[in-house]
Amino acid sequence: MPNQTDIRFPADHPTAAGHFPGNPIIPGAVLLDTALTAIAAAEGSAPGPCRLRSAKFLHPVRPGDHMQLEWQAAAAGGIAFTGSVAGRPVMTGSLMAGGIPS
């Protein structure tokens, strides 16, 4: 069974103004950083460097969106994760073994 947490990106998120004016989205790097930080915190680890095996951004996340993040153990001790907004997958990825520092 996957672990999960909810992440809300405020409507006035600081990256929205410049990414992109008139059509704001939360940058992929911010989505990834927020997801990995949330996973580390939930797993009882301090956020830090990790070994990212893959990451795909499937749909834009907008300021004000509420993303549900799910993750679970994957092969060889890794972690697979998925972020969804309103039931629609917006990102997927996986960390290699040792990806979340302990």
Protein backbone atom coordinates (compact mmCIF):
# COMPACT_ATOMS: atom_id res chain seq x y z
CA MET A 1 0.00 0.00 0.00
CA PRO A 2 1.45 3.40 -0.96
CA ASN A 3 2.21 6.17 1.49
CA GLN A 4 0.64 9.52 0.69
CA THR A 5 0.53 13.18 1.57
CA ASP A 6 -1.15 16.26 0.17
CA ILE A 7 0.70 19.32 -1.08
CA ARG A 8 -1.00 22.65 -1.81
CA PHE A 9 0.71 25.21 -3.99
CA PRO A 10 -0.52 28.66 -2.94
CA ALA A 11 -2.17 30.86 -5.53
CA ASP A 12 0.58 33.42 -4.95
CA HIS A 13 3.45 30.90 -5.19
CA PRO A 14 6.60 32.98 -5.88
CA THR A 15 7.59 31.03 -9.00
CA ALA A 16 4.25 31.65 -10.71
CA ALA A 17 4.92 35.27 -11.64
CA GLY A 18 7.81 34.44 -13.94
CA HIS A 19 6.94 30.94 -15.09
CA PHE A 20 5.06 31.90 -17.31
CA PRO A 21 3.51 35.40 -17.32
CA GLY A 22 -0.15 35.11 -18.31
CA ASN A 23 -0.07 31.31 -18.07
CA PRO A 24 1.46 30.47 -14.67
CA ILE A 25 2.63 26.95 -13.86
CA ILE A 26 4.69 25.53 -11.03
CA PRO A 27 8.12 24.64 -12.52
CA GLY A 28 9.06 20.97 -12.68
CA ALA A 29 12.12 21.56 -10.50
CA VAL A 30 9.87 22.98 -7.76
CA LEU A 31 7.43 20.05 -8.07
CA LEU A 32 10.29 17.58 -7.79
CA ASP A 33 11.98 19.35 -4.87
CA THR A 34 8.67 19.65 -2.99
CA ALA A 35 7.84 15.98 -3.58
CA LEU A 36 11.27 14.68 -2.53
CA THR A 37 11.28 16.90 0.57
CA ALA A 38 7.81 15.63 1.55
CA ILE A 39 8.86 11.99 1.06
CA ALA A 40 12.02 12.48 3.12
CA ALA A 41 10.06 14.13 5.95
CA ALA A 42 7.43 11.38 5.95
CA GLU A 43 10.13 8.71 5.99
CA GLY A 44 11.82 10.44 8.95
CA SER A 45 14.87 11.60 7.00
CA ALA A 46 16.36 15.03 6.53
CA PRO A 47 15.99 16.37 2.98
CA GLY A 48 19.24 16.20 1.10
CA PRO A 49 20.90 14.96 -2.06
CA CYS A 50 19.31 11.93 -3.67
CA ARG A 51 19.83 9.74 -6.70
CA LEU A 52 16.93 10.32 -9.05
CA ARG A 53 16.42 7.47 -11.49
CA SER A 54 13.59 9.00 -13.49
CA ALA A 55 11.11 11.87 -13.48
CA LYS A 56 8.35 12.70 -15.94
CA PHE A 57 6.07 15.71 -15.87
CA LEU A 58 2.78 14.75 -17.47
CA HIS A 59 0.55 17.78 -17.00
CA PRO A 60 1.01 21.34 -15.72
CA VAL A 61 0.46 22.13 -12.05
CA ARG A 62 -0.91 25.61 -11.51
CA PRO A 63 -0.73 27.95 -8.53
CA GLY A 64 -3.61 27.06 -6.20
CA ASP A 65 -3.55 23.37 -7.16
CA HIS A 66 -3.67 20.65 -4.56
CA MET A 67 -1.39 17.71 -5.43
CA GLN A 68 -1.75 14.28 -3.87
CA LEU A 69 1.66 12.61 -3.64
CA GLU A 70 1.90 8.83 -3.31
CA TRP A 71 5.04 6.70 -3.00
CA GLN A 72 6.05 3.15 -2.23
CA ALA A 73 9.06 0.88 -2.13
CA ALA A 74 10.26 -0.18 -5.56
CA ALA A 75 12.75 -2.76 -6.82
CA ALA A 76 16.27 -2.82 -5.34
CA GLY A 77 15.31 -0.64 -2.37
CA GLY A 78 14.21 2.33 -4.44
CA ILE A 79 11.10 4.49 -4.10
CA ALA A 80 8.54 5.11 -6.86
CA PHE A 81 6.31 8.19 -6.63
CA THR A 82 3.35 9.76 -8.40
CA GLY A 83 1.76 13.19 -8.04
CA SER A 84 -1.87 13.80 -9.05
CA VAL A 85 -4.11 16.85 -9.22
CA ALA A 86 -7.87 16.19 -9.17
CA GLY A 87 -7.18 12.51 -9.90
CA ARG A 88 -5.07 13.28 -12.99
CA PRO A 89 -1.40 12.20 -12.85
CA VAL A 90 0.89 15.21 -13.21
CA MET A 91 4.28 13.61 -12.47
CA THR A 92 5.92 10.25 -11.88
CA GLY A 93 9.40 9.26 -10.86
CA SER A 94 11.67 6.94 -8.96
CA LEU A 95 14.68 7.15 -6.70
CA MET A 96 17.52 4.66 -6.68
CA ALA A 97 18.39 2.68 -3.56
CA GLY A 98 19.68 5.05 -0.93
CA GLY A 99 17.90 7.93 -2.62
CA ILE A 100 16.45 9.26 0.62
CA PRO A 101 19.32 9.83 3.02
CA SER A 102 18.87 8.46 6.50
